[in-house]
N, C-alpha and C. Protein backbone atom coordinates (compact mmCIF):
# COMPACT_ATOMS: atom_id res chain seq x y z
N MET A 1 -8.20 31.10 9.44
CA MET A 1 -9.09 30.79 8.28
C MET A 1 -8.44 30.96 6.95
N GLU A 2 -7.71 32.08 6.77
CA GLU A 2 -6.99 32.41 5.55
C GLU A 2 -5.98 31.30 5.18
N SER A 3 -5.29 30.82 6.29
CA SER A 3 -4.31 29.76 6.02
C SER A 3 -4.97 28.51 5.65
N LEU A 4 -6.13 28.16 6.27
CA LEU A 4 -6.83 26.95 5.90
C LEU A 4 -7.30 26.99 4.48
N ILE A 5 -7.79 28.15 4.09
CA ILE A 5 -8.31 28.28 2.66
C ILE A 5 -7.19 28.07 1.66
N GLN A 6 -6.01 28.66 2.02
CA GLN A 6 -4.78 28.42 1.14
C GLN A 6 -4.45 26.97 1.07
N GLN A 7 -4.44 26.28 2.22
CA GLN A 7 -4.16 24.88 2.29
C GLN A 7 -5.12 24.03 1.40
N ILE A 8 -6.40 24.34 1.54
CA ILE A 8 -7.37 23.70 0.75
C ILE A 8 -7.16 23.90 -0.81
N CYS A 9 -6.90 25.15 -1.13
CA CYS A 9 -6.65 25.43 -2.52
C CYS A 9 -5.40 24.64 -3.08
N ILE A 10 -4.40 24.55 -2.27
CA ILE A 10 -3.14 23.83 -2.71
C ILE A 10 -3.43 22.32 -2.77
N TRP A 11 -4.13 21.76 -1.83
CA TRP A 11 -4.32 20.35 -1.71
C TRP A 11 -5.47 19.71 -2.43
N ALA A 12 -6.49 20.50 -2.66
CA ALA A 12 -7.72 19.98 -3.21
C ALA A 12 -7.51 19.17 -4.55
N LEU A 13 -6.84 19.80 -5.52
CA LEU A 13 -6.65 19.17 -6.84
C LEU A 13 -5.75 17.94 -6.79
N PRO A 14 -4.57 18.01 -6.06
CA PRO A 14 -3.74 16.82 -5.94
C PRO A 14 -4.45 15.65 -5.29
N VAL A 15 -5.26 15.95 -4.24
CA VAL A 15 -5.95 14.89 -3.44
C VAL A 15 -7.00 14.27 -4.40
N LEU A 16 -7.75 15.03 -5.13
CA LEU A 16 -8.78 14.50 -6.02
C LEU A 16 -8.19 13.65 -7.11
N PHE A 17 -7.08 14.15 -7.70
CA PHE A 17 -6.40 13.35 -8.80
C PHE A 17 -5.89 12.08 -8.21
N ALA A 18 -5.27 12.15 -7.05
CA ALA A 18 -4.60 10.95 -6.41
C ALA A 18 -5.67 9.92 -6.15
N ILE A 19 -6.83 10.22 -5.55
CA ILE A 19 -7.84 9.28 -5.18
C ILE A 19 -8.58 8.76 -6.41
N THR A 20 -8.88 9.66 -7.31
CA THR A 20 -9.67 9.33 -8.59
C THR A 20 -8.87 8.35 -9.42
N LEU A 21 -7.64 8.68 -9.75
CA LEU A 21 -6.85 7.78 -10.63
C LEU A 21 -6.51 6.45 -9.92
N HIS A 22 -6.36 6.51 -8.57
CA HIS A 22 -6.06 5.26 -7.81
C HIS A 22 -7.23 4.32 -8.06
N GLU A 23 -8.45 4.78 -7.82
CA GLU A 23 -9.63 3.90 -7.88
C GLU A 23 -9.94 3.51 -9.33
N ALA A 24 -9.77 4.51 -10.30
CA ALA A 24 -10.02 4.19 -11.71
C ALA A 24 -9.03 3.14 -12.18
N ALA A 25 -7.73 3.14 -11.67
CA ALA A 25 -6.87 2.22 -12.10
C ALA A 25 -7.21 0.76 -11.68
N HIS A 26 -7.79 0.71 -10.44
CA HIS A 26 -8.31 -0.70 -10.07
C HIS A 26 -9.40 -1.14 -11.10
N ALA A 27 -10.29 -0.23 -11.41
CA ALA A 27 -11.42 -0.55 -12.28
C ALA A 27 -10.91 -0.93 -13.68
N PHE A 28 -9.95 -0.25 -14.24
CA PHE A 28 -9.41 -0.47 -15.57
C PHE A 28 -8.77 -1.83 -15.56
N ALA A 29 -7.93 -2.10 -14.53
CA ALA A 29 -7.24 -3.37 -14.44
C ALA A 29 -8.21 -4.53 -14.36
N ALA A 30 -9.27 -4.37 -13.45
CA ALA A 30 -10.24 -5.41 -13.30
C ALA A 30 -10.91 -5.76 -14.66
N LYS A 31 -11.34 -4.78 -15.39
CA LYS A 31 -11.97 -5.07 -16.65
C LYS A 31 -11.01 -5.68 -17.64
N HIS A 32 -9.74 -5.21 -17.66
CA HIS A 32 -8.72 -5.75 -18.53
C HIS A 32 -8.56 -7.27 -18.27
N PHE A 33 -8.61 -7.63 -16.99
CA PHE A 33 -8.37 -9.02 -16.66
C PHE A 33 -9.67 -9.87 -16.51
N GLY A 34 -10.83 -9.28 -16.91
CA GLY A 34 -12.03 -10.13 -17.06
C GLY A 34 -13.21 -9.79 -16.12
N ASP A 35 -13.06 -8.81 -15.14
CA ASP A 35 -14.19 -8.57 -14.34
C ASP A 35 -14.73 -7.16 -14.69
N PRO A 36 -15.98 -7.13 -15.32
CA PRO A 36 -16.51 -5.82 -15.71
C PRO A 36 -17.42 -5.14 -14.62
N THR A 37 -17.34 -5.66 -13.42
CA THR A 37 -18.28 -5.14 -12.31
C THR A 37 -18.15 -3.64 -12.20
N ALA A 38 -16.92 -3.17 -12.01
CA ALA A 38 -16.71 -1.68 -11.73
C ALA A 38 -17.17 -0.92 -13.02
N PHE A 39 -16.90 -1.43 -14.18
CA PHE A 39 -17.24 -0.79 -15.43
C PHE A 39 -18.82 -0.65 -15.52
N LEU A 40 -19.51 -1.76 -15.22
CA LEU A 40 -20.96 -1.74 -15.32
C LEU A 40 -21.60 -0.80 -14.21
N MET A 41 -20.89 -0.62 -13.14
CA MET A 41 -21.39 0.23 -12.09
C MET A 41 -20.93 1.71 -12.27
N GLY A 42 -20.28 2.00 -13.45
CA GLY A 42 -19.89 3.36 -13.72
C GLY A 42 -18.74 3.87 -12.95
N ARG A 43 -17.90 2.97 -12.39
CA ARG A 43 -16.75 3.36 -11.62
C ARG A 43 -15.46 3.34 -12.46
N MET A 44 -15.52 2.87 -13.66
CA MET A 44 -14.30 2.92 -14.55
C MET A 44 -14.29 4.30 -15.24
N THR A 45 -14.05 5.37 -14.44
CA THR A 45 -14.19 6.64 -14.92
C THR A 45 -13.19 7.53 -14.15
N LEU A 46 -12.79 8.71 -14.75
CA LEU A 46 -11.95 9.70 -14.22
C LEU A 46 -12.84 10.81 -13.57
N ASN A 47 -14.12 10.58 -13.52
CA ASN A 47 -15.00 11.65 -12.78
C ASN A 47 -14.83 11.42 -11.29
N PRO A 48 -14.19 12.38 -10.57
CA PRO A 48 -14.02 12.23 -9.15
C PRO A 48 -15.30 12.04 -8.38
N LEU A 49 -16.35 12.59 -8.83
CA LEU A 49 -17.69 12.42 -8.09
C LEU A 49 -18.08 10.96 -7.93
N LYS A 50 -17.62 10.14 -8.83
CA LYS A 50 -17.96 8.73 -8.71
C LYS A 50 -17.15 7.97 -7.68
N HIS A 51 -16.05 8.54 -7.18
CA HIS A 51 -15.13 7.92 -6.29
C HIS A 51 -15.06 8.56 -4.93
N VAL A 52 -15.58 9.81 -4.80
CA VAL A 52 -15.47 10.55 -3.59
C VAL A 52 -16.45 10.02 -2.46
N ASP A 53 -15.86 9.82 -1.29
CA ASP A 53 -16.60 9.40 -0.13
C ASP A 53 -16.69 10.68 0.76
N PRO A 54 -17.95 11.22 1.04
CA PRO A 54 -18.03 12.47 1.77
C PRO A 54 -17.23 12.48 3.02
N LEU A 55 -17.25 11.36 3.81
CA LEU A 55 -16.50 11.31 5.05
C LEU A 55 -15.03 11.13 4.80
N GLY A 56 -14.64 10.08 4.03
CA GLY A 56 -13.22 9.85 3.96
C GLY A 56 -12.37 10.72 2.99
N THR A 57 -13.03 11.27 1.98
CA THR A 57 -12.38 12.12 1.04
C THR A 57 -12.40 13.56 1.31
N VAL A 58 -13.45 14.01 2.09
CA VAL A 58 -13.64 15.41 2.34
C VAL A 58 -13.51 15.74 3.87
N LEU A 59 -14.29 15.18 4.71
CA LEU A 59 -14.29 15.55 6.06
C LEU A 59 -12.99 15.21 6.87
N VAL A 60 -12.57 13.92 6.70
CA VAL A 60 -11.37 13.47 7.45
C VAL A 60 -10.16 14.21 7.01
N PRO A 61 -9.84 14.32 5.73
CA PRO A 61 -8.61 15.13 5.31
C PRO A 61 -8.70 16.54 5.74
N LEU A 62 -9.93 17.15 5.74
CA LEU A 62 -10.06 18.57 6.20
C LEU A 62 -9.75 18.67 7.63
N LEU A 63 -10.18 17.72 8.48
CA LEU A 63 -9.83 17.69 9.89
C LEU A 63 -8.34 17.52 10.10
N CYS A 64 -7.76 16.68 9.24
CA CYS A 64 -6.27 16.50 9.36
C CYS A 64 -5.55 17.81 9.09
N LEU A 65 -6.02 18.61 8.08
CA LEU A 65 -5.34 19.86 7.77
C LEU A 65 -5.51 20.88 8.99
N LEU A 66 -6.63 20.79 9.67
CA LEU A 66 -6.86 21.66 10.82
C LEU A 66 -5.93 21.39 11.99
N LEU A 67 -5.48 20.11 12.07
CA LEU A 67 -4.60 19.73 13.26
C LEU A 67 -3.18 20.12 12.95
N PRO A 68 -2.53 20.84 13.85
CA PRO A 68 -1.10 21.21 13.62
C PRO A 68 -0.19 19.99 13.54
N GLY A 69 0.53 19.86 12.49
CA GLY A 69 1.35 18.66 12.26
C GLY A 69 0.64 17.37 12.15
N GLY A 70 -0.63 17.52 11.71
CA GLY A 70 -1.47 16.35 11.57
C GLY A 70 -1.03 15.45 10.40
N PHE A 71 -1.28 14.16 10.49
CA PHE A 71 -0.98 13.15 9.47
C PHE A 71 -2.16 13.08 8.46
N LEU A 72 -1.92 13.49 7.29
CA LEU A 72 -3.05 13.49 6.29
C LEU A 72 -3.55 12.07 6.07
N PHE A 73 -4.83 11.90 6.19
CA PHE A 73 -5.42 10.60 6.09
C PHE A 73 -6.78 10.70 5.49
N GLY A 74 -7.18 9.68 4.66
CA GLY A 74 -8.54 9.66 4.14
C GLY A 74 -8.65 8.47 3.25
N TRP A 75 -9.80 8.33 2.60
CA TRP A 75 -10.09 7.21 1.73
C TRP A 75 -11.17 7.61 0.74
N ALA A 76 -11.35 6.80 -0.27
CA ALA A 76 -12.37 6.97 -1.26
C ALA A 76 -13.31 5.74 -1.21
N LYS A 77 -14.42 5.78 -2.01
CA LYS A 77 -15.26 4.62 -2.12
C LYS A 77 -14.51 3.48 -2.83
N PRO A 78 -14.38 2.33 -2.27
CA PRO A 78 -13.58 1.28 -2.88
C PRO A 78 -14.32 0.79 -4.16
N VAL A 79 -13.47 0.50 -5.21
CA VAL A 79 -14.00 -0.06 -6.41
C VAL A 79 -14.37 -1.48 -6.14
N PRO A 80 -15.60 -1.93 -6.61
CA PRO A 80 -16.00 -3.31 -6.38
C PRO A 80 -15.27 -4.23 -7.40
N VAL A 81 -14.65 -5.31 -6.91
CA VAL A 81 -13.99 -6.26 -7.78
C VAL A 81 -14.38 -7.68 -7.37
N HIS A 82 -14.86 -8.48 -8.31
CA HIS A 82 -15.17 -9.88 -8.02
C HIS A 82 -13.97 -10.63 -8.53
N PHE A 83 -13.06 -10.99 -7.58
CA PHE A 83 -11.79 -11.66 -7.97
C PHE A 83 -12.07 -12.98 -8.72
N GLY A 84 -13.23 -13.66 -8.34
CA GLY A 84 -13.48 -14.95 -8.98
C GLY A 84 -13.85 -14.87 -10.42
N ALA A 85 -14.22 -13.58 -10.86
CA ALA A 85 -14.54 -13.40 -12.24
C ALA A 85 -13.30 -13.09 -13.16
N LEU A 86 -12.18 -12.88 -12.48
CA LEU A 86 -10.94 -12.65 -13.29
C LEU A 86 -10.54 -13.95 -13.92
N ARG A 87 -9.78 -13.83 -15.04
CA ARG A 87 -9.45 -15.02 -15.80
C ARG A 87 -8.50 -15.90 -14.98
N LYS A 88 -7.59 -15.31 -14.30
CA LYS A 88 -6.71 -16.02 -13.39
C LYS A 88 -6.77 -15.28 -12.04
N PRO A 89 -7.73 -15.70 -11.16
CA PRO A 89 -8.07 -14.97 -9.97
C PRO A 89 -6.89 -14.55 -9.13
N ARG A 90 -5.96 -15.46 -8.83
CA ARG A 90 -4.84 -15.11 -7.96
C ARG A 90 -3.85 -14.21 -8.61
N GLU A 91 -3.37 -14.60 -9.80
CA GLU A 91 -2.38 -13.79 -10.48
C GLU A 91 -2.88 -12.45 -11.00
N HIS A 92 -4.07 -12.49 -11.61
CA HIS A 92 -4.64 -11.23 -12.07
C HIS A 92 -5.17 -10.39 -10.94
N GLY A 93 -5.61 -11.02 -9.86
CA GLY A 93 -6.04 -10.30 -8.64
C GLY A 93 -4.87 -9.46 -8.04
N ARG A 94 -3.70 -10.00 -8.03
CA ARG A 94 -2.52 -9.23 -7.56
C ARG A 94 -2.29 -7.95 -8.42
N TRP A 95 -2.48 -8.13 -9.73
CA TRP A 95 -2.30 -6.93 -10.64
C TRP A 95 -3.36 -5.97 -10.43
N VAL A 96 -4.64 -6.40 -10.20
CA VAL A 96 -5.71 -5.47 -9.96
C VAL A 96 -5.43 -4.70 -8.65
N ALA A 97 -4.96 -5.43 -7.64
CA ALA A 97 -4.70 -4.73 -6.35
C ALA A 97 -3.54 -3.71 -6.45
N ALA A 98 -2.48 -4.10 -7.26
CA ALA A 98 -1.31 -3.26 -7.41
C ALA A 98 -1.57 -2.08 -8.29
N ALA A 99 -2.67 -2.12 -9.11
CA ALA A 99 -2.90 -1.01 -10.05
C ALA A 99 -3.04 0.35 -9.41
N GLY A 100 -3.71 0.37 -8.25
CA GLY A 100 -3.92 1.63 -7.55
C GLY A 100 -2.57 2.27 -7.08
N PRO A 101 -1.79 1.53 -6.26
CA PRO A 101 -0.49 2.13 -5.91
C PRO A 101 0.41 2.44 -7.07
N LEU A 102 0.36 1.64 -8.13
CA LEU A 102 1.24 2.00 -9.34
C LEU A 102 0.72 3.31 -9.91
N ALA A 103 -0.58 3.48 -9.97
CA ALA A 103 -1.06 4.78 -10.54
C ALA A 103 -0.59 5.98 -9.64
N ASN A 104 -0.54 5.75 -8.33
CA ASN A 104 0.02 6.82 -7.42
C ASN A 104 1.45 7.12 -7.73
N LEU A 105 2.19 6.05 -8.01
CA LEU A 105 3.62 6.22 -8.32
C LEU A 105 3.76 6.98 -9.59
N VAL A 106 2.97 6.71 -10.63
CA VAL A 106 3.08 7.46 -11.91
C VAL A 106 2.73 8.91 -11.65
N MET A 107 1.64 9.09 -10.86
CA MET A 107 1.26 10.53 -10.54
C MET A 107 2.31 11.27 -9.79
N ALA A 108 2.99 10.60 -8.84
CA ALA A 108 4.05 11.28 -8.05
C ALA A 108 5.12 11.68 -8.98
N LEU A 109 5.49 10.80 -9.91
CA LEU A 109 6.56 11.23 -10.96
C LEU A 109 6.08 12.39 -11.83
N GLY A 110 4.84 12.40 -12.16
CA GLY A 110 4.25 13.49 -12.95
C GLY A 110 4.35 14.82 -12.13
N TRP A 111 3.97 14.77 -10.89
CA TRP A 111 4.07 15.98 -10.09
C TRP A 111 5.57 16.41 -9.92
N LEU A 112 6.40 15.43 -9.87
CA LEU A 112 7.86 15.76 -9.76
C LEU A 112 8.34 16.44 -10.96
N LEU A 113 7.87 16.14 -12.12
CA LEU A 113 8.15 16.87 -13.38
C LEU A 113 7.67 18.32 -13.27
N LEU A 114 6.43 18.43 -12.78
CA LEU A 114 5.83 19.85 -12.59
C LEU A 114 6.64 20.65 -11.56
N LEU A 115 7.14 19.96 -10.59
CA LEU A 115 7.93 20.64 -9.58
C LEU A 115 9.23 21.22 -10.19
N HIS A 116 9.85 20.38 -10.93
CA HIS A 116 11.08 20.82 -11.74
C HIS A 116 10.75 21.97 -12.64
N LEU A 117 9.58 21.97 -13.26
CA LEU A 117 9.14 23.13 -14.16
C LEU A 117 8.99 24.39 -13.29
N ALA A 118 8.29 24.21 -12.07
CA ALA A 118 8.12 25.39 -11.17
C ALA A 118 9.49 25.92 -10.77
N LEU A 119 10.44 25.07 -10.44
CA LEU A 119 11.76 25.54 -9.97
C LEU A 119 12.54 26.21 -11.13
N ALA A 120 12.26 25.72 -12.38
CA ALA A 120 12.97 26.32 -13.52
C ALA A 120 12.42 27.63 -13.93
N THR A 121 11.19 27.96 -13.49
CA THR A 121 10.56 29.18 -13.91
C THR A 121 10.31 30.12 -12.67
N GLN A 122 11.21 30.05 -11.65
CA GLN A 122 11.06 30.82 -10.46
C GLN A 122 11.01 32.31 -10.88
N GLY A 123 10.10 33.05 -10.14
CA GLY A 123 9.90 34.44 -10.41
C GLY A 123 8.69 34.71 -11.33
N SER A 124 8.23 33.73 -11.99
CA SER A 124 7.02 33.87 -12.84
C SER A 124 5.78 33.90 -11.96
N TYR A 125 4.68 34.26 -12.55
CA TYR A 125 3.45 34.41 -11.71
C TYR A 125 2.97 33.07 -11.19
N PHE A 126 3.15 32.04 -11.97
CA PHE A 126 2.52 30.72 -11.54
C PHE A 126 3.49 29.87 -10.84
N SER A 127 4.79 30.20 -10.73
CA SER A 127 5.85 29.24 -10.19
C SER A 127 5.56 28.80 -8.78
N LEU A 128 5.31 29.78 -7.93
CA LEU A 128 5.05 29.45 -6.44
C LEU A 128 3.83 28.59 -6.32
N PRO A 129 2.60 28.93 -6.79
CA PRO A 129 1.46 28.08 -6.68
C PRO A 129 1.77 26.66 -7.30
N LEU A 130 2.45 26.68 -8.45
CA LEU A 130 2.70 25.27 -9.07
C LEU A 130 3.68 24.52 -8.18
N LYS A 131 4.64 25.18 -7.52
CA LYS A 131 5.61 24.48 -6.61
C LYS A 131 4.88 23.90 -5.49
N LEU A 132 3.97 24.65 -4.78
CA LEU A 132 3.31 24.25 -3.65
C LEU A 132 2.37 23.06 -4.03
N MET A 133 1.70 23.22 -5.11
CA MET A 133 0.73 22.13 -5.55
C MET A 133 1.47 20.87 -5.94
N ALA A 134 2.60 20.99 -6.61
CA ALA A 134 3.43 19.87 -7.01
C ALA A 134 3.97 19.14 -5.80
N GLU A 135 4.43 19.88 -4.83
CA GLU A 135 4.88 19.21 -3.56
C GLU A 135 3.73 18.50 -2.87
N ALA A 136 2.59 19.10 -2.82
CA ALA A 136 1.41 18.46 -2.29
C ALA A 136 1.03 17.11 -3.09
N GLY A 137 1.15 17.26 -4.38
CA GLY A 137 0.87 16.08 -5.22
C GLY A 137 1.84 14.97 -4.96
N ILE A 138 3.05 15.28 -4.82
CA ILE A 138 4.09 14.23 -4.46
C ILE A 138 3.84 13.62 -3.18
N ILE A 139 3.46 14.52 -2.18
CA ILE A 139 3.34 13.96 -0.78
C ILE A 139 2.10 13.05 -0.72
N ILE A 140 0.93 13.48 -1.31
CA ILE A 140 -0.27 12.68 -1.24
C ILE A 140 -0.13 11.33 -1.96
N ASN A 141 0.47 11.40 -3.07
CA ASN A 141 0.62 10.21 -3.90
C ASN A 141 1.59 9.16 -3.25
N VAL A 142 2.69 9.68 -2.73
CA VAL A 142 3.64 8.80 -2.02
C VAL A 142 3.02 8.21 -0.79
N LEU A 143 2.22 9.07 -0.04
CA LEU A 143 1.49 8.61 1.08
C LEU A 143 0.52 7.50 0.78
N LEU A 144 -0.28 7.74 -0.31
CA LEU A 144 -1.31 6.74 -0.70
C LEU A 144 -0.64 5.46 -1.20
N MET A 145 0.44 5.61 -1.98
CA MET A 145 1.10 4.42 -2.44
C MET A 145 1.63 3.52 -1.31
N ILE A 146 2.34 4.17 -0.35
CA ILE A 146 2.95 3.39 0.78
C ILE A 146 1.81 2.87 1.69
N LEU A 147 0.91 3.73 2.01
CA LEU A 147 -0.24 3.26 2.95
C LEU A 147 -0.95 2.13 2.34
N ASN A 148 -1.25 2.16 1.06
CA ASN A 148 -2.04 1.04 0.48
C ASN A 148 -1.22 -0.22 0.29
N LEU A 149 0.10 -0.15 0.28
CA LEU A 149 0.91 -1.32 0.15
C LEU A 149 1.22 -1.98 1.51
N LEU A 150 0.76 -1.41 2.59
CA LEU A 150 0.88 -2.09 3.88
C LEU A 150 0.19 -3.38 3.86
N PRO A 151 0.75 -4.46 4.45
CA PRO A 151 0.12 -5.79 4.31
C PRO A 151 -1.02 -6.08 5.31
N LEU A 152 -2.01 -5.20 5.10
CA LEU A 152 -3.23 -5.30 6.06
C LEU A 152 -4.51 -5.37 5.19
N PRO A 153 -5.26 -6.41 5.19
CA PRO A 153 -6.54 -6.31 4.49
C PRO A 153 -7.44 -5.32 5.13
N PRO A 154 -8.20 -4.50 4.41
CA PRO A 154 -8.53 -4.52 2.98
C PRO A 154 -7.64 -3.65 2.12
N LEU A 155 -6.50 -3.23 2.67
CA LEU A 155 -5.57 -2.43 1.82
C LEU A 155 -5.03 -3.23 0.68
N ASP A 156 -4.61 -2.55 -0.38
CA ASP A 156 -4.11 -3.28 -1.58
C ASP A 156 -2.94 -4.21 -1.18
N GLY A 157 -2.08 -3.78 -0.27
CA GLY A 157 -0.94 -4.71 0.09
C GLY A 157 -1.49 -5.84 0.81
N GLY A 158 -2.60 -5.82 1.56
CA GLY A 158 -3.13 -6.94 2.25
C GLY A 158 -3.79 -7.92 1.20
N ARG A 159 -4.39 -7.36 0.17
CA ARG A 159 -5.01 -8.17 -0.84
C ARG A 159 -3.86 -8.98 -1.62
N ILE A 160 -2.78 -8.23 -1.93
CA ILE A 160 -1.69 -8.87 -2.65
C ILE A 160 -1.11 -9.97 -1.79
N LEU A 161 -0.97 -9.70 -0.50
CA LEU A 161 -0.44 -10.76 0.42
C LEU A 161 -1.32 -12.03 0.41
N VAL A 162 -2.62 -11.77 0.59
CA VAL A 162 -3.63 -12.88 0.69
C VAL A 162 -3.61 -13.68 -0.62
N LEU A 163 -3.48 -13.00 -1.78
CA LEU A 163 -3.45 -13.66 -3.10
C LEU A 163 -2.06 -14.27 -3.39
N SER A 164 -1.11 -14.11 -2.55
CA SER A 164 0.18 -14.71 -2.81
C SER A 164 0.47 -15.85 -1.89
N LEU A 165 -0.27 -16.00 -0.79
CA LEU A 165 0.01 -17.09 0.18
C LEU A 165 -0.77 -18.35 -0.17
N PRO A 166 -0.37 -19.50 0.40
CA PRO A 166 -1.13 -20.71 0.27
C PRO A 166 -2.56 -20.43 0.81
N PRO A 167 -3.56 -21.11 0.18
CA PRO A 167 -4.96 -20.86 0.51
C PRO A 167 -5.28 -20.91 1.99
N ARG A 168 -4.79 -21.88 2.71
CA ARG A 168 -5.07 -22.02 4.16
C ARG A 168 -4.57 -20.86 4.97
N VAL A 169 -3.38 -20.41 4.69
CA VAL A 169 -2.75 -19.25 5.40
C VAL A 169 -3.46 -18.00 4.96
N ALA A 170 -3.74 -17.91 3.62
CA ALA A 170 -4.44 -16.77 3.10
C ALA A 170 -5.83 -16.57 3.74
N ALA A 171 -6.53 -17.65 4.01
CA ALA A 171 -7.87 -17.59 4.61
C ALA A 171 -7.84 -17.04 5.98
N SER A 172 -6.75 -17.39 6.76
CA SER A 172 -6.64 -16.87 8.10
C SER A 172 -6.37 -15.39 8.10
N ILE A 173 -5.55 -14.90 7.18
CA ILE A 173 -5.26 -13.46 7.09
C ILE A 173 -6.48 -12.69 6.65
N ALA A 174 -7.17 -13.27 5.73
CA ALA A 174 -8.35 -12.56 5.09
C ALA A 174 -9.44 -12.34 6.14
N ARG A 175 -9.46 -13.14 7.25
CA ARG A 175 -10.52 -12.92 8.27
C ARG A 175 -10.30 -11.54 8.96
N VAL A 176 -9.14 -10.98 8.80
CA VAL A 176 -8.89 -9.60 9.43
C VAL A 176 -9.63 -8.50 8.72
N GLU A 177 -9.88 -8.76 7.44
CA GLU A 177 -10.49 -7.65 6.58
C GLU A 177 -11.58 -6.89 7.23
N PRO A 178 -12.59 -7.50 7.87
CA PRO A 178 -13.72 -6.71 8.37
C PRO A 178 -13.18 -5.68 9.44
N TYR A 179 -12.07 -5.96 10.07
CA TYR A 179 -11.59 -5.07 11.14
C TYR A 179 -10.44 -4.28 10.74
N GLY A 180 -10.02 -4.35 9.41
CA GLY A 180 -8.83 -3.64 8.92
C GLY A 180 -8.87 -2.18 9.12
N MET A 181 -10.01 -1.55 8.77
CA MET A 181 -10.10 -0.14 8.86
C MET A 181 -10.02 0.37 10.31
N ILE A 182 -10.67 -0.40 11.26
CA ILE A 182 -10.62 -0.11 12.66
C ILE A 182 -9.15 -0.21 13.16
N ILE A 183 -8.45 -1.28 12.77
CA ILE A 183 -7.07 -1.41 13.16
C ILE A 183 -6.25 -0.21 12.62
N LEU A 184 -6.57 0.21 11.41
CA LEU A 184 -5.78 1.31 10.83
C LEU A 184 -6.04 2.62 11.60
N ILE A 185 -7.28 2.88 11.96
CA ILE A 185 -7.60 4.04 12.71
C ILE A 185 -6.95 4.08 14.11
N VAL A 186 -6.91 2.88 14.70
CA VAL A 186 -6.26 2.80 16.06
C VAL A 186 -4.77 3.00 15.90
N LEU A 187 -4.18 2.49 14.85
CA LEU A 187 -2.75 2.73 14.64
C LEU A 187 -2.47 4.17 14.39
N LEU A 188 -3.37 4.88 13.64
CA LEU A 188 -3.27 6.27 13.42
C LEU A 188 -3.39 7.07 14.63
N ALA A 189 -4.38 6.79 15.50
CA ALA A 189 -4.64 7.52 16.72
C ALA A 189 -3.54 7.40 17.69
N THR A 190 -2.89 6.27 17.72
CA THR A 190 -1.81 5.99 18.69
C THR A 190 -0.40 6.44 18.25
N GLY A 191 -0.38 6.89 16.96
CA GLY A 191 0.91 7.33 16.39
C GLY A 191 1.71 6.27 15.78
N VAL A 192 1.30 5.04 15.91
CA VAL A 192 2.07 3.84 15.35
C VAL A 192 2.10 4.03 13.85
N LEU A 193 0.96 4.28 13.23
CA LEU A 193 0.93 4.37 11.73
C LEU A 193 1.93 5.46 11.23
N GLY A 194 1.92 6.66 11.90
CA GLY A 194 2.89 7.66 11.52
C GLY A 194 4.30 7.17 11.69
N GLY A 195 4.63 6.46 12.73
CA GLY A 195 5.95 5.96 12.95
C GLY A 195 6.34 5.00 11.87
N ILE A 196 5.38 4.21 11.33
CA ILE A 196 5.69 3.27 10.26
C ILE A 196 5.87 4.08 8.94
N MET A 197 4.97 4.97 8.69
CA MET A 197 4.97 5.64 7.44
C MET A 197 6.07 6.65 7.23
N GLN A 198 6.42 7.44 8.20
CA GLN A 198 7.38 8.47 8.08
C GLN A 198 8.71 8.08 7.54
N PRO A 199 9.35 7.01 8.07
CA PRO A 199 10.68 6.66 7.45
C PRO A 199 10.58 6.17 6.09
N LEU A 200 9.47 5.44 5.73
CA LEU A 200 9.25 4.95 4.40
C LEU A 200 9.04 6.13 3.43
N MET A 201 8.30 7.09 3.83
CA MET A 201 8.08 8.25 2.95
C MET A 201 9.37 9.01 2.79
N LEU A 202 10.16 9.21 3.85
CA LEU A 202 11.42 9.90 3.70
C LEU A 202 12.38 9.17 2.74
N LEU A 203 12.36 7.83 2.80
CA LEU A 203 13.15 6.98 1.91
C LEU A 203 12.72 7.31 0.46
N VAL A 204 11.46 7.30 0.17
CA VAL A 204 10.95 7.53 -1.19
C VAL A 204 11.34 8.96 -1.62
N TYR A 205 11.20 9.93 -0.75
CA TYR A 205 11.54 11.27 -1.09
C TYR A 205 13.06 11.39 -1.46
N ARG A 206 13.89 10.72 -0.74
CA ARG A 206 15.35 10.71 -1.03
C ARG A 206 15.53 10.04 -2.41
N LEU A 207 14.82 8.97 -2.73
CA LEU A 207 14.95 8.34 -4.00
C LEU A 207 14.52 9.34 -5.14
N PHE A 208 13.56 10.17 -4.80
CA PHE A 208 13.11 11.19 -5.79
C PHE A 208 14.00 12.33 -5.83
N GLY A 209 14.98 12.45 -4.88
CA GLY A 209 15.84 13.60 -4.85
C GLY A 209 15.19 14.81 -4.28
N LEU A 210 14.15 14.63 -3.35
CA LEU A 210 13.44 15.70 -2.83
C LEU A 210 13.79 16.07 -1.38
N ASP A 211 13.44 17.25 -1.00
CA ASP A 211 13.57 17.68 0.37
C ASP A 211 12.25 18.36 0.77
N VAL A 212 11.18 17.58 0.92
CA VAL A 212 9.87 18.16 1.17
C VAL A 212 9.34 17.60 2.47
């Protein structure tokens, strides 16, 4: 129980930041390109309570932390976007979809700077907690960035793919969207998702110069 409480304290803030800024970035991009839907629904905000899904943001990640060697997994309430309301639906839609993973990349770099600060101040009172939290921040943001860029609707990568293909082909792939989350959970449960994600995450860690 003590170990679980420590894990929650380390991961809670990075996870909330990662999810909140990811969803807020979608909302900001959508409004910028002409769709105010998320703004009007109060989702263009950095308030995490507006984006938290009790099941996907709290319960599922908590269960993942309880499992030894578990793959951290979760989701937030998706930001509503009416792609037809964008000034250039296909082009701007790709930017709206990419905004979330780009936000995670920026946050991962921010946590990387904090990690270097923690390493530079080793021995101080806050260096170890900051180091552990920064590593968690890098891990969750790299994970969310890569996971969301997978070419599976309704993930951001799937939306980018659909908005990049000819309409007839795109329509065929878009039909997968209602089953996308089920497919993702099956891939997770069978270990296939971890097998796809792990080498990609290790590659990004090497690019960051990390050994986490």
